[in-house]
Amino acid sequence: MTIPNIPRIVLGSMTFGLDTTDPVASACKVHGVSAVTPFVETFTSYGHTEVDTARFYGNGDCEIVLAQLAPEITAHIKIATKVFPFKAGSHNKENLPKQFRESLAEALMHSICKQNNYVLPTVYQGSYNPIDRSVVSELLLCLKHLNMSFYAYNPISGGVLSGKYKFGVEVPEGSRYDPKTYIGKMVREMYWNKITFEAIDSLTKAATAHNLTLLEATLRWMRHHSGLTSKDAILIGSSKVEQLEETLRELEKGPLPKEMIKAFDEAWEHVKPIARSYFFAENDVLPSPKRE
């Protein structure tokens, strides 16, 4: 219990970690959330509520295991973390924000919002199309678990699934893939490569065999075969009204033939080894546009 005018009691967690935390390379002696839980329950049973951790405890694993505690436990505790200056420069303006962002990432903001009756995150917007499915194996399952909607942008893969572009052929000035523009440089880095266009060529042939355009086949795949539901959405855009109308018209059409679905699956397997992750890593930030 907390007694007025004497020091509070705080639970140190340096010995906590995951099942996989190396006890030699850290101070971890209590492995996994099932082992950590009794410590926190015992601590709170005495009326104490504060738990101390740090980014370096268990090489980051301590923060992770504390975030995995059951909601009925975390609802009654306050977890405070810190960044210890082990190395010179670790508290400079570049490193300190980076370490705090890492701690916040482990804090499971969805759980924090739920416990405090904040508005929960409800929508995640990410890139998704027939040849860019990196969200499927992990992210979409997570969003379903959190009851969040997924808004798919980039449904025609930066425009390459429109069928308008050919690898090695010069593009019109001012177009999406113009290398002199900011957007052009960005999308070229993402999609302008031999492997992607090999997949595009095979898809174009498959679409032609079924009297379809590649654009039509792509949009119908997004609407009927992507696994997205009425809770989710497909984001579309255009630079011309007639392009917008064409997109909307194709999205009204029905499911694809099985052979076309198979062609999309094979195309994804072809580009999968070079596919970008659905999230941006620390060194994978897109270039900033020039500012005058």
C-alpha atoms as a PDB file:
ATOM      1  CA  MET A   1       0.000   0.000   0.000  1.00  0.00           C
ATOM      2  CA  THR A   2       1.041   3.620  -0.448  1.00  0.00           C
ATOM      3  CA  ILE A   3       1.625   5.472   2.809  1.00  0.00           C
ATOM      4  CA  PRO A   4       1.645   9.295   2.743  1.00  0.00           C
ATOM      5  CA  ASN A   5       4.989  11.099   3.017  1.00  0.00           C
ATOM      6  CA  ILE A   6       7.270   8.071   2.580  1.00  0.00           C
ATOM      7  CA  PRO A   7       8.907   6.825  -0.647  1.00  0.00           C
ATOM      8  CA  ARG A   8       6.871   4.848  -3.147  1.00  0.00           C
ATOM      9  CA  ILE A   9       7.921   1.327  -4.128  1.00  0.00           C
ATOM     10  CA  VAL A  10       8.758   0.690  -7.791  1.00  0.00           C
ATOM     11  CA  LEU A  11       9.274  -2.744  -9.361  1.00  0.00           C
ATOM     12  CA  GLY A  12      12.532  -3.022 -11.296  1.00  0.00           C
ATOM     13  CA  SER A  13      12.322  -5.274 -14.345  1.00  0.00           C
ATOM     14  CA  MET A  14      15.923  -5.714 -15.479  1.00  0.00           C
ATOM     15  CA  THR A  15      15.681  -9.479 -14.933  1.00  0.00           C
ATOM     16  CA  PHE A  16      12.610  -9.840 -17.200  1.00  0.00           C
ATOM     17  CA  GLY A  17      12.811 -10.938 -20.810  1.00  0.00           C
ATOM     18  CA  LEU A  18      11.389 -13.159 -23.517  1.00  0.00           C
ATOM     19  CA  ASP A  19      11.743 -16.922 -23.774  1.00  0.00           C
ATOM     20  CA  THR A  20      14.458 -16.272 -26.355  1.00  0.00           C
ATOM     21  CA  THR A  21      16.421 -13.623 -24.437  1.00  0.00           C
ATOM     22  CA  ASP A  22      20.072 -14.578 -24.004  1.00  0.00           C
ATOM     23  CA  PRO A  23      20.836 -14.633 -20.252  1.00  0.00           C
ATOM     24  CA  VAL A  24      24.568 -14.376 -20.950  1.00  0.00           C
ATOM     25  CA  ALA A  25      24.278 -11.201 -23.018  1.00  0.00           C
ATOM     26  CA  SER A  26      21.803  -9.612 -20.592  1.00  0.00           C
ATOM     27  CA  ALA A  27      20.683  -9.710 -16.961  1.00  0.00           C
ATOM     28  CA  CYS A  28      17.570 -11.698 -17.853  1.00  0.00           C
ATOM     29  CA  LYS A  29      16.645 -14.500 -15.447  1.00  0.00           C
ATOM     30  CA  VAL A  30      12.835 -14.508 -15.792  1.00  0.00           C
ATOM     31  CA  HIS A  31      11.887 -15.655 -19.282  1.00  0.00           C
ATOM     32  CA  GLY A  32       8.502 -15.177 -20.971  1.00  0.00           C
ATOM     33  CA  VAL A  33       5.233 -13.466 -20.091  1.00  0.00           C
ATOM     34  CA  SER A  34       3.927 -16.472 -18.138  1.00  0.00           C
ATOM     35  CA  ALA A  35       6.954 -16.277 -15.848  1.00  0.00           C
ATOM     36  CA  VAL A  36       6.873 -12.483 -15.538  1.00  0.00           C
ATOM     37  CA  THR A  37       3.154 -12.288 -14.710  1.00  0.00           C
ATOM     38  CA  PRO A  38       3.392 -13.654 -11.113  1.00  0.00           C
ATOM     39  CA  PHE A  39       6.014 -11.028 -10.261  1.00  0.00           C
ATOM     40  CA  VAL A  40       3.784  -8.180 -11.385  1.00  0.00           C
ATOM     41  CA  GLU A  41       0.684  -9.690  -9.764  1.00  0.00           C
ATOM     42  CA  THR A  42       2.513 -10.096  -6.452  1.00  0.00           C
ATOM     43  CA  PHE A  43       3.815  -6.540  -6.647  1.00  0.00           C
ATOM     44  CA  THR A  44       0.395  -5.023  -7.359  1.00  0.00           C
ATOM     45  CA  SER A  45      -1.251  -7.120  -4.639  1.00  0.00           C
ATOM     46  CA  TYR A  46       0.603  -4.929  -2.152  1.00  0.00           C
ATOM     47  CA  GLY A  47      -0.942  -1.808  -3.638  1.00  0.00           C
ATOM     48  CA  HIS A  48       2.047  -0.731  -5.712  1.00  0.00           C
ATOM     49  CA  THR A  49       1.596   0.375  -9.308  1.00  0.00           C
ATOM     50  CA  GLU A  50       4.880   1.552 -10.851  1.00  0.00           C
ATOM     51  CA  VAL A  51       7.144  -0.668 -12.959  1.00  0.00           C
ATOM     52  CA  ASP A  52      10.538   0.535 -14.165  1.00  0.00           C
ATOM     53  CA  THR A  53      12.182  -0.689 -17.360  1.00  0.00           C
ATOM     54  CA  ALA A  54      14.732   0.517 -19.899  1.00  0.00           C
ATOM     55  CA  ARG A  55      15.380   0.202 -23.591  1.00  0.00           C
ATOM     56  CA  PHE A  56      18.563  -1.798 -23.008  1.00  0.00           C
ATOM     57  CA  TYR A  57      17.105  -4.335 -20.535  1.00  0.00           C
ATOM     58  CA  GLY A  58      17.287  -7.682 -22.249  1.00  0.00           C
ATOM     59  CA  ASN A  59      18.458  -5.849 -25.374  1.00  0.00           C
ATOM     60  CA  GLY A  60      14.928  -4.494 -25.775  1.00  0.00           C
ATOM     61  CA  ASP A  61      13.139  -7.715 -24.829  1.00  0.00           C
ATOM     62  CA  CYS A  62      12.094  -6.471 -21.385  1.00  0.00           C
ATOM     63  CA  GLU A  63       9.894  -3.771 -22.907  1.00  0.00           C
ATOM     64  CA  ILE A  64       8.386  -6.361 -25.232  1.00  0.00           C
ATOM     65  CA  VAL A  65       7.468  -8.832 -22.494  1.00  0.00           C
ATOM     66  CA  LEU A  66       5.920  -6.089 -20.339  1.00  0.00           C
ATOM     67  CA  ALA A  67       3.784  -5.069 -23.324  1.00  0.00           C
ATOM     68  CA  GLN A  68       2.581  -8.678 -23.543  1.00  0.00           C
ATOM     69  CA  LEU A  69       1.104  -8.691 -20.034  1.00  0.00           C
ATOM     70  CA  ALA A  70      -2.645  -9.261 -19.924  1.00  0.00           C
ATOM     71  CA  PRO A  71      -4.812  -6.104 -20.118  1.00  0.00           C
ATOM     72  CA  GLU A  72      -6.315  -6.786 -16.702  1.00  0.00           C
ATOM     73  CA  ILE A  73      -2.786  -6.501 -15.285  1.00  0.00           C
ATOM     74  CA  THR A  74      -1.513  -3.522 -17.264  1.00  0.00           C
ATOM     75  CA  ALA A  75      -4.698  -1.620 -16.438  1.00  0.00           C
ATOM     76  CA  HIS A  76      -3.411  -1.339 -12.866  1.00  0.00           C
ATOM     77  CA  ILE A  77       0.238  -0.461 -13.450  1.00  0.00           C
ATOM     78  CA  LYS A  78       2.287   2.407 -14.835  1.00  0.00           C
ATOM     79  CA  ILE A  79       5.330   1.434 -16.875  1.00  0.00           C
ATOM     80  CA  ALA A  80       8.178   3.936 -17.195  1.00  0.00           C
ATOM     81  CA  THR A  81      11.140   3.387 -19.498  1.00  0.00           C
ATOM     82  CA  LYS A  82      14.433   5.190 -19.936  1.00  0.00           C
ATOM     83  CA  VAL A  83      17.423   5.470 -22.232  1.00  0.00           C
ATOM     84  CA  PHE A  84      20.774   4.901 -20.529  1.00  0.00           C
ATOM     85  CA  PRO A  85      23.825   6.655 -22.077  1.00  0.00           C
ATOM     86  CA  PHE A  86      26.083   3.637 -22.454  1.00  0.00           C
ATOM     87  CA  LYS A  87      28.037   5.187 -25.312  1.00  0.00           C
ATOM     88  CA  ALA A  88      29.184   8.724 -26.003  1.00  0.00           C
ATOM     89  CA  GLY A  89      26.703  10.344 -28.355  1.00  0.00           C
ATOM     90  CA  SER A  90      23.818   8.037 -27.491  1.00  0.00           C
ATOM     91  CA  HIS A  91      21.859  11.046 -26.233  1.00  0.00           C
ATOM     92  CA  ASN A  92      22.501  13.262 -29.237  1.00  0.00           C
ATOM     93  CA  LYS A  93      19.644  14.682 -31.291  1.00  0.00           C
ATOM     94  CA  GLU A  94      19.704  11.793 -33.772  1.00  0.00           C
ATOM     95  CA  ASN A  95      19.967   8.819 -31.408  1.00  0.00           C
ATOM     96  CA  LEU A  96      17.723   9.866 -28.533  1.00  0.00           C
ATOM     97  CA  PRO A  97      14.501  10.266 -30.579  1.00  0.00           C
ATOM     98  CA  LYS A  98      15.281   6.989 -32.357  1.00  0.00           C
ATOM     99  CA  GLN A  99      15.472   5.090 -29.060  1.00  0.00           C
ATOM    100  CA  PHE A 100      12.263   6.658 -27.764  1.00  0.00           C
ATOM    101  CA  ARG A 101      10.484   5.694 -30.984  1.00  0.00           C
ATOM    102  CA  GLU A 102      11.638   2.115 -30.460  1.00  0.00           C
ATOM    103  CA  SER A 103      10.209   2.119 -26.940  1.00  0.00           C
ATOM    104  CA  LEU A 104       6.899   3.553 -28.136  1.00  0.00           C
ATOM    105  CA  ALA A 105       6.710   0.874 -30.810  1.00  0.00           C
ATOM    106  CA  GLU A 106       6.896  -1.814 -28.122  1.00  0.00           C
ATOM    107  CA  ALA A 107       4.279  -0.078 -25.954  1.00  0.00           C
ATOM    108  CA  LEU A 108       1.373  -1.413 -28.060  1.00  0.00           C
ATOM    109  CA  MET A 109      -0.478   1.881 -28.419  1.00  0.00           C
ATOM    110  CA  HIS A 110      -3.716   0.063 -29.240  1.00  0.00           C
ATOM    111  CA  SER A 111      -3.766  -1.437 -25.724  1.00  0.00           C
ATOM    112  CA  ILE A 112      -2.919   1.901 -24.123  1.00  0.00           C
ATOM    113  CA  CYS A 113      -5.802   3.602 -25.945  1.00  0.00           C
ATOM    114  CA  LYS A 114      -8.194   0.823 -24.941  1.00  0.00           C
ATOM    115  CA  GLN A 115      -7.278   0.983 -21.274  1.00  0.00           C
ATOM    116  CA  ASN A 116      -7.705   4.759 -21.157  1.00  0.00           C
ATOM    117  CA  ASN A 117     -10.922   4.856 -23.211  1.00  0.00           C
ATOM    118  CA  TYR A 118      -9.196   6.808 -25.970  1.00  0.00           C
ATOM    119  CA  VAL A 119     -10.362   6.530 -29.566  1.00  0.00           C
ATOM    120  CA  LEU A 120      -8.834   3.293 -30.839  1.00  0.00           C
ATOM    121  CA  PRO A 121      -6.868   3.177 -34.087  1.00  0.00           C
ATOM    122  CA  THR A 122      -9.484   2.177 -36.660  1.00  0.00           C
ATOM    123  CA  VAL A 123      -7.848   2.336 -40.104  1.00  0.00           C
ATOM    124  CA  TYR A 124      -4.462   1.304 -41.468  1.00  0.00           C
ATOM    125  CA  GLN A 125      -3.529   2.544 -44.937  1.00  0.00           C
ATOM    126  CA  GLY A 126      -0.987   0.494 -46.852  1.00  0.00           C
ATOM    127  CA  SER A 127       0.202  -0.511 -50.298  1.00  0.00           C
ATOM    128  CA  TYR A 128      -1.496  -3.614 -51.718  1.00  0.00           C
ATOM    129  CA  ASN A 129      -2.020  -4.971 -55.216  1.00  0.00           C
ATOM    130  CA  PRO A 130      -1.681  -8.290 -57.089  1.00  0.00           C
ATOM    131  CA  ILE A 131       2.121  -8.048 -57.331  1.00  0.00           C
ATOM    132  CA  ASP A 132       2.689  -6.363 -53.966  1.00  0.00           C
ATOM    133  CA  ARG A 133       1.188  -8.600 -51.283  1.00  0.00           C
ATOM    134  CA  SER A 134       3.645  -8.130 -48.424  1.00  0.00           C
ATOM    135  CA  VAL A 135       0.782  -7.097 -46.116  1.00  0.00           C
ATOM    136  CA  VAL A 136      -1.000 -10.450 -46.378  1.00  0.00           C
ATOM    137  CA  SER A 137       1.093 -12.807 -44.262  1.00  0.00           C
ATOM    138  CA  GLU A 138       1.295 -10.622 -41.153  1.00  0.00           C
ATOM    139  CA  LEU A 139      -0.304  -7.182 -41.270  1.00  0.00           C
ATOM    140  CA  LEU A 140      -3.817  -8.096 -42.440  1.00  0.00           C
ATOM    141  CA  LEU A 141      -4.039 -10.792 -39.758  1.00  0.00           C
ATOM    142  CA  CYS A 142      -2.971  -8.269 -37.119  1.00  0.00           C
ATOM    143  CA  LEU A 143      -5.547  -5.715 -38.290  1.00  0.00           C
ATOM    144  CA  LYS A 144      -8.279  -8.338 -38.172  1.00  0.00           C
ATOM    145  CA  HIS A 145      -7.281  -9.185 -34.598  1.00  0.00           C
ATOM    146  CA  LEU A 146      -7.430  -5.477 -33.667  1.00  0.00           C
ATOM    147  CA  ASN A 147     -10.736  -4.973 -35.516  1.00  0.00           C
ATOM    148  CA  MET A 148      -9.161  -2.380 -37.798  1.00  0.00           C
ATOM    149  CA  SER A 149      -9.967  -1.632 -41.425  1.00  0.00           C
ATOM    150  CA  PHE A 150      -7.362  -1.765 -44.186  1.00  0.00           C
ATOM    151  CA  TYR A 151      -7.349   0.923 -46.883  1.00  0.00           C
ATOM    152  CA  ALA A 152      -5.342  -0.293 -49.878  1.00  0.00           C
ATOM    153  CA  TYR A 153      -3.531   2.387 -51.812  1.00  0.00           C
ATOM    154  CA  ASN A 154      -1.399   1.795 -54.903  1.00  0.00           C
ATOM    155  CA  PRO A 155      -3.847  -0.731 -56.436  1.00  0.00           C
ATOM    156  CA  ILE A 156      -2.107  -0.643 -59.830  1.00  0.00           C
ATOM    157  CA  SER A 157       1.427  -0.774 -58.395  1.00  0.00           C
ATOM    158  CA  GLY A 158       2.572   2.731 -59.112  1.00  0.00           C
ATOM    159  CA  GLY A 159       0.959   2.597 -62.539  1.00  0.00           C
ATOM    160  CA  VAL A 160       2.910  -0.352 -63.964  1.00  0.00           C
ATOM    161  CA  LEU A 161      -0.240  -2.508 -63.819  1.00  0.00           C
ATOM    162  CA  SER A 162      -1.985  -0.024 -66.087  1.00  0.00           C
ATOM    163  CA  GLY A 163      -0.130  -1.613 -68.987  1.00  0.00           C
ATOM    164  CA  LYS A 164       1.115   1.768 -70.231  1.00  0.00           C
ATOM    165  CA  TYR A 165       4.812   1.311 -69.482  1.00  0.00           C
ATOM    166  CA  LYS A 166       7.541  -0.852 -71.041  1.00  0.00           C
ATOM    167  CA  PHE A 167      10.870  -1.539 -69.380  1.00  0.00           C
ATOM    168  CA  GLY A 168      13.752   0.139 -71.180  1.00  0.00           C
ATOM    169  CA  VAL A 169      11.453   2.444 -73.137  1.00  0.00           C
ATOM    170  CA  GLU A 170      11.711   6.179 -72.492  1.00  0.00           C
ATOM    171  CA  VAL A 171       8.657   7.582 -70.729  1.00  0.00           C
ATOM    172  CA  PRO A 172       6.896  10.854 -71.631  1.00  0.00           C
ATOM    173  CA  GLU A 173       8.128  13.964 -69.856  1.00  0.00           C
ATOM    174  CA  GLY A 174       5.996  14.775 -66.837  1.00  0.00           C
ATOM    175  CA  SER A 175       4.528  11.266 -66.617  1.00  0.00           C
ATOM    176  CA  ARG A 176       4.484   9.183 -63.449  1.00  0.00           C
ATOM    177  CA  TYR A 177       7.868   7.589 -64.184  1.00  0.00           C
ATOM    178  CA  ASP A 178       9.675  10.697 -65.416  1.00  0.00           C
ATOM    179  CA  PRO A 179      13.076  10.354 -63.649  1.00  0.00           C
ATOM    180  CA  LYS A 180      13.419  14.134 -63.425  1.00  0.00           C
ATOM    181  CA  THR A 181      10.496  14.462 -61.000  1.00  0.00           C
ATOM    182  CA  TYR A 182      10.390  13.632 -57.298  1.00  0.00           C
ATOM    183  CA  ILE A 183       7.580  11.106 -57.727  1.00  0.00           C
ATOM    184  CA  GLY A 184       9.277   9.630 -60.787  1.00  0.00           C
ATOM    185  CA  LYS A 185      12.485   8.955 -58.878  1.00  0.00           C
ATOM    186  CA  MET A 186      10.555   7.426 -55.993  1.00  0.00           C
ATOM    187  CA  VAL A 187       8.409   5.006 -58.016  1.00  0.00           C
ATOM    188  CA  ARG A 188      11.318   4.023 -60.237  1.00  0.00           C
ATOM    189  CA  GLU A 189      13.206   2.959 -57.137  1.00  0.00           C
ATOM    190  CA  MET A 190      10.218   0.863 -56.107  1.00  0.00           C
ATOM    191  CA  TYR A 191       8.978  -0.714 -59.351  1.00  0.00           C
ATOM    192  CA  TRP A 192      11.194   0.042 -62.351  1.00  0.00           C
ATOM    193  CA  ASN A 193      13.194  -3.183 -62.625  1.00  0.00           C
ATOM    194  CA  LYS A 194      13.528  -6.158 -64.950  1.00  0.00           C
ATOM    195  CA  ILE A 195      11.878  -8.691 -62.636  1.00  0.00           C
ATOM    196  CA  THR A 196       8.735  -6.606 -62.150  1.00  0.00           C
ATOM    197  CA  PHE A 197       8.349  -6.050 -65.877  1.00  0.00           C
ATOM    198  CA  GLU A 198       8.841  -9.745 -66.578  1.00  0.00           C
ATOM    199  CA  ALA A 199       5.785 -10.289 -64.383  1.00  0.00           C
ATOM    200  CA  ILE A 200       3.937  -7.470 -66.174  1.00  0.00           C
ATOM    201  CA  ASP A 201       4.632  -9.072 -69.563  1.00  0.00           C
ATOM    202  CA  SER A 202       3.270 -12.443 -68.440  1.00  0.00           C
ATOM    203  CA  LEU A 203       0.173 -10.801 -66.975  1.00  0.00           C
ATOM    204  CA  THR A 204      -0.446  -8.803 -70.138  1.00  0.00           C
ATOM    205  CA  LYS A 205      -0.388 -12.010 -72.191  1.00  0.00           C
ATOM    206  CA  ALA A 206      -2.763 -13.742 -69.760  1.00  0.00           C
ATOM    207  CA  ALA A 207      -5.159 -10.789 -69.794  1.00  0.00           C
ATOM    208  CA  THR A 208      -5.134 -10.596 -73.592  1.00  0.00           C
ATOM    209  CA  ALA A 209      -5.968 -14.298 -73.791  1.00  0.00           C
ATOM    210  CA  HIS A 210      -9.184 -13.539 -71.877  1.00  0.00           C
ATOM    211  CA  ASN A 211      -9.994 -10.358 -73.831  1.00  0.00           C
ATOM    212  CA  LEU A 212      -9.098  -8.200 -70.835  1.00  0.00           C
ATOM    213  CA  THR A 213      -6.855  -5.204 -70.423  1.00  0.00           C
ATOM    214  CA  LEU A 214      -4.236  -5.461 -67.692  1.00  0.00           C
ATOM    215  CA  LEU A 215      -5.849  -2.510 -65.913  1.00  0.00           C
ATOM    216  CA  GLU A 216      -9.264  -4.179 -65.933  1.00  0.00           C
ATOM    217  CA  ALA A 217      -7.872  -7.489 -64.691  1.00  0.00           C
ATOM    218  CA  THR A 218      -5.950  -5.752 -61.904  1.00  0.00           C
ATOM    219  CA  LEU A 219      -8.908  -3.746 -60.635  1.00  0.00           C
ATOM    220  CA  ARG A 220     -11.212  -6.761 -60.739  1.00  0.00           C
ATOM    221  CA  TRP A 221      -8.624  -8.734 -58.754  1.00  0.00           C
ATOM    222  CA  MET A 222      -8.528  -5.979 -56.163  1.00  0.00           C
ATOM    223  CA  ARG A 223     -12.324  -5.921 -55.857  1.00  0.00           C
ATOM    224  CA  HIS A 224     -13.031  -9.657 -55.810  1.00  0.00           C
ATOM    225  CA  HIS A 225      -9.875 -11.673 -55.091  1.00  0.00           C
ATOM    226  CA  SER A 226      -7.726  -9.586 -52.734  1.00  0.00           C
ATOM    227  CA  GLY A 227      -9.358 -10.886 -49.565  1.00  0.00           C
ATOM    228  CA  LEU A 228     -10.514  -7.395 -48.606  1.00  0.00           C
ATOM    229  CA  THR A 229     -14.046  -7.090 -47.229  1.00  0.00           C
ATOM    230  CA  SER A 230     -16.749  -4.424 -46.994  1.00  0.00           C
ATOM    231  CA  LYS A 231     -14.973  -3.143 -43.901  1.00  0.00           C
ATOM    232  CA  ASP A 232     -11.893  -2.369 -46.004  1.00  0.00           C
ATOM    233  CA  ALA A 233     -11.384  -0.016 -48.941  1.00  0.00           C
ATOM    234  CA  ILE A 234      -9.487   0.493 -52.193  1.00  0.00           C
ATOM    235  CA  LEU A 235      -8.034   3.974 -52.696  1.00  0.00           C
ATOM    236  CA  ILE A 236      -8.064   5.236 -56.270  1.00  0.00           C
ATOM    237  CA  GLY A 237      -6.861   8.427 -57.897  1.00  0.00           C
ATOM    238  CA  SER A 238      -6.132   9.923 -61.292  1.00  0.00           C
ATOM    239  CA  SER A 239      -4.878  13.036 -63.044  1.00  0.00           C
ATOM    240  CA  LYS A 240      -7.708  13.069 -65.597  1.00  0.00           C
ATOM    241  CA  VAL A 241     -11.477  12.709 -65.222  1.00  0.00           C
ATOM    242  CA  GLU A 242     -11.642  10.130 -68.019  1.00  0.00           C
ATOM    243  CA  GLN A 243      -9.058   8.007 -66.192  1.00  0.00           C
ATOM    244  CA  LEU A 244     -11.127   8.152 -63.028  1.00  0.00           C
ATOM    245  CA  GLU A 245     -14.249   7.132 -64.924  1.00  0.00           C
ATOM    246  CA  GLU A 246     -12.416   4.218 -66.562  1.00  0.00           C
ATOM    247  CA  THR A 247     -11.208   3.004 -63.176  1.00  0.00           C
ATOM    248  CA  LEU A 248     -14.677   3.234 -61.655  1.00  0.00           C
ATOM    249  CA  ARG A 249     -16.194   1.441 -64.624  1.00  0.00           C
ATOM    250  CA  GLU A 250     -13.740  -1.469 -64.380  1.00  0.00           C
ATOM    251  CA  LEU A 251     -14.316  -1.758 -60.632  1.00  0.00           C
ATOM    252  CA  GLU A 252     -18.011  -2.398 -61.310  1.00  0.00           C
ATOM    253  CA  LYS A 253     -17.231  -5.643 -63.128  1.00  0.00           C
ATOM    254  CA  GLY A 254     -17.321  -9.122 -61.619  1.00  0.00           C
ATOM    255  CA  PRO A 255     -14.777 -11.774 -60.591  1.00  0.00           C
ATOM    256  CA  LEU A 256     -12.000 -12.990 -62.883  1.00  0.00           C
ATOM    257  CA  PRO A 257     -11.577 -16.372 -64.595  1.00  0.00           C
ATOM    258  CA  LYS A 258      -9.550 -18.884 -62.571  1.00  0.00           C
ATOM    259  CA  GLU A 259      -6.732 -18.819 -65.125  1.00  0.00           C
ATOM    260  CA  MET A 260      -6.289 -15.069 -64.659  1.00  0.00           C
ATOM    261  CA  ILE A 261      -6.241 -15.416 -60.879  1.00  0.00           C
ATOM    262  CA  LYS A 262      -3.551 -18.083 -61.243  1.00  0.00           C
ATOM    263  CA  ALA A 263      -1.531 -15.770 -63.499  1.00  0.00           C
ATOM    264  CA  PHE A 264      -1.594 -13.081 -60.802  1.00  0.00           C
ATOM    265  CA  ASP A 265      -0.496 -15.627 -58.185  1.00  0.00           C
ATOM    266  CA  GLU A 266       2.416 -16.709 -60.378  1.00  0.00           C
ATOM    267  CA  ALA A 267       3.388 -13.088 -61.034  1.00  0.00           C
ATOM    268  CA  TRP A 268       3.492 -12.407 -57.287  1.00  0.00           C
ATOM    269  CA  GLU A 269       5.735 -15.428 -56.719  1.00  0.00           C
ATOM    270  CA  HIS A 270       8.038 -14.091 -59.437  1.00  0.00           C
ATOM    271  CA  VAL A 271       8.493 -10.652 -57.833  1.00  0.00           C
ATOM    272  CA  LYS A 272       8.249 -11.798 -54.209  1.00  0.00           C
ATOM    273  CA  PRO A 273      12.037 -12.191 -53.713  1.00  0.00           C
ATOM    274  CA  ILE A 274      12.555  -8.467 -54.417  1.00  0.00           C
ATOM    275  CA  ALA A 275       9.310  -7.178 -52.892  1.00  0.00           C
ATOM    276  CA  ARG A 276       9.570  -4.316 -50.424  1.00  0.00           C
ATOM    277  CA  SER A 277       8.376  -4.778 -46.863  1.00  0.00           C
ATOM    278  CA  TYR A 278       5.015  -3.227 -45.979  1.00  0.00           C
ATOM    279  CA  PHE A 279       6.775  -1.059 -43.395  1.00  0.00           C
ATOM    280  CA  PHE A 280       9.689   1.337 -43.737  1.00  0.00           C
ATOM    281  CA  ALA A 281      12.801   0.396 -41.786  1.00  0.00           C
ATOM    282  CA  GLU A 282      15.131   2.991 -40.296  1.00  0.00           C
ATOM    283  CA  ASN A 283      17.305   3.128 -43.413  1.00  0.00           C
ATOM    284  CA  ASP A 284      14.452   2.717 -45.891  1.00  0.00           C
ATOM    285  CA  VAL A 285      12.931   6.191 -45.748  1.00  0.00           C
ATOM    286  CA  LEU A 286      11.804   7.657 -49.035  1.00  0.00           C
ATOM    287  CA  PRO A 287      13.696  10.756 -50.205  1.00  0.00           C
ATOM    288  CA  SER A 288      12.234  14.094 -49.195  1.00  0.00           C
ATOM    289  CA  PRO A 289      11.070  16.430 -51.941  1.00  0.00           C
ATOM    290  CA  LYS A 290      13.231  19.475 -52.564  1.00  0.00           C
ATOM    291  CA  ARG A 291      12.011  22.625 -50.912  1.00  0.00           C
ATOM    292  CA  GLU A 292      12.650  26.026 -52.430  1.00  0.00           C
END
